[in-house]
Protein backbone atom coordinates (compact mmCIF):
# COMPACT_ATOMS: atom_id res chain seq x y z
CA UNK A 1 85.52 109.19 91.15
CA UNK A 2 83.76 106.14 92.48
CA UNK A 3 84.01 102.55 91.34
CA UNK A 4 80.74 100.84 90.44
CA UNK A 5 80.84 99.00 93.77
CA UNK A 6 81.20 102.26 95.69
CA UNK A 7 84.96 102.11 96.18
CA UNK A 8 86.59 105.53 96.07
CA UNK A 9 89.37 105.31 93.48
CA UNK A 10 91.04 108.69 93.99
CA UNK A 11 90.58 110.28 97.42
CA UNK A 12 89.26 113.82 97.01
CA UNK A 13 90.84 115.16 100.22
CA UNK A 14 94.33 114.68 98.75
CA UNK A 15 93.70 116.36 95.42
CA UNK A 16 96.67 118.24 94.00
CA UNK A 17 96.26 121.98 93.62
CA UNK A 18 97.68 122.86 90.16
CA UNK A 19 98.71 126.31 91.40
CA UNK A 20 100.82 124.89 94.25
CA UNK A 21 102.01 121.57 92.79
CA UNK A 22 102.85 118.75 95.20
CA UNK A 23 105.68 120.50 97.05
CA UNK A 24 103.42 121.54 99.92
CA UNK A 25 102.51 117.90 100.67
CA UNK A 26 104.06 116.22 103.67
CA UNK A 27 105.17 112.60 103.48
CA UNK A 28 102.43 111.85 106.03
CA UNK A 29 99.82 113.31 103.63
CA UNK A 30 100.45 110.68 100.96
CA UNK A 31 97.94 107.85 100.76
CA UNK A 32 98.89 104.19 101.04
CA UNK A 33 98.60 103.59 97.28
CA UNK A 34 100.69 106.62 96.33
CA UNK A 35 104.35 106.21 95.46
CA UNK A 36 107.09 108.80 95.32
CA UNK A 37 109.76 109.20 92.69
CA UNK A 38 112.44 111.67 91.68
CA UNK A 39 113.57 113.18 88.37
CA UNK A 40 117.02 114.52 87.56
CA UNK A 41 117.04 117.96 85.93
CA UNK A 42 120.38 117.33 84.19
CA UNK A 43 120.02 113.86 82.60
CA UNK A 44 116.23 113.37 82.99
CA UNK A 45 116.78 110.08 84.84
CA UNK A 46 113.61 109.03 86.68
CA UNK A 47 113.31 106.50 89.45
CA UNK A 48 110.95 105.60 92.29
CA UNK A 49 112.19 106.04 95.87
CA UNK A 50 111.27 104.33 99.12
CA UNK A 51 109.08 106.96 100.76
CA UNK A 52 108.84 104.93 103.98
CA UNK A 53 112.63 104.99 104.39
CA UNK A 54 112.71 108.73 103.68
CA UNK A 55 109.98 109.31 106.29
CA UNK A 56 111.88 107.20 108.84
CA UNK A 57 115.12 109.03 108.18
CA UNK A 58 113.91 112.64 107.92
CA UNK A 59 110.48 112.55 109.58
CA UNK A 60 107.04 112.22 108.06
CA UNK A 61 106.16 115.86 108.78
CA UNK A 62 108.71 117.20 106.27
CA UNK A 63 107.27 118.63 103.07
CA UNK A 64 108.48 117.61 99.64
CA UNK A 65 109.82 121.14 99.09
CA UNK A 66 111.95 120.82 102.23
CA UNK A 67 113.39 117.52 100.99
CA UNK A 68 113.96 118.64 97.38
CA UNK A 69 117.48 120.10 98.00
CA UNK A 70 118.57 116.69 99.35
CA UNK A 71 117.88 114.90 96.05
CA UNK A 72 120.97 113.61 94.23
CA UNK A 73 120.90 111.72 90.93
CA UNK A 74 122.38 108.22 91.20
CA UNK A 75 123.24 108.22 87.50
CA UNK A 76 125.08 111.55 86.97
CA UNK A 77 125.45 112.88 90.55
CA UNK A 78 123.52 116.12 89.89
CA UNK A 79 122.25 117.81 93.06
CA UNK A 80 120.59 120.92 91.62
CA UNK A 81 117.03 121.55 90.45
CA UNK A 82 115.86 117.92 90.76
CA UNK A 83 112.15 117.30 91.19
CA UNK A 84 109.62 114.91 92.65
CA UNK A 85 107.23 112.55 90.87
CA UNK A 86 104.02 111.32 92.38
CA UNK A 87 102.41 108.09 91.25
CA UNK A 88 99.96 105.49 92.42
CA UNK A 89 99.74 101.74 92.47
CA UNK A 90 96.69 100.61 90.53
CA UNK A 91 94.45 97.67 91.39
CA UNK A 92 96.80 95.23 89.61
CA UNK A 93 99.81 96.50 91.63
CA UNK A 94 101.45 98.15 88.64
CA UNK A 95 103.06 101.53 89.18
CA UNK A 96 101.44 104.29 87.16
CA UNK A 97 102.95 107.77 86.85
CA UNK A 98 100.28 110.40 87.46
CA UNK A 99 102.26 113.62 87.78
CA UNK A 100 105.82 114.81 87.43
CA UNK A 101 106.83 118.00 89.18
CA UNK A 102 109.16 120.56 87.58
CA UNK A 103 112.32 121.56 89.40
CA UNK A 104 110.74 124.86 90.44
CA UNK A 105 107.62 124.47 92.53
CA UNK A 106 104.80 126.94 92.01
CA UNK A 107 104.00 129.10 95.01
């Protein structure tokens, strides 16, 4: 989709395949305006995470599926079946949730 001034609002090369989900994405594949969050499968707590710190600590070539087992809820301590959330920062710098990922990625 293009803005009236010709600005590309959603890059087409990073479109999410509904059959695969976002688990196949690497941290390096995320665009600058995209943000990463996590969701607890037990208590449904949702929070945004610092994707730059995760990339520094584990490497930007890791996929989200590889990092999923490392997720731990800060509210209840659950470590199993947690999932990722992908969002974007809009033009007014507000965080907007665009997709939540279930605990089981589609393959």
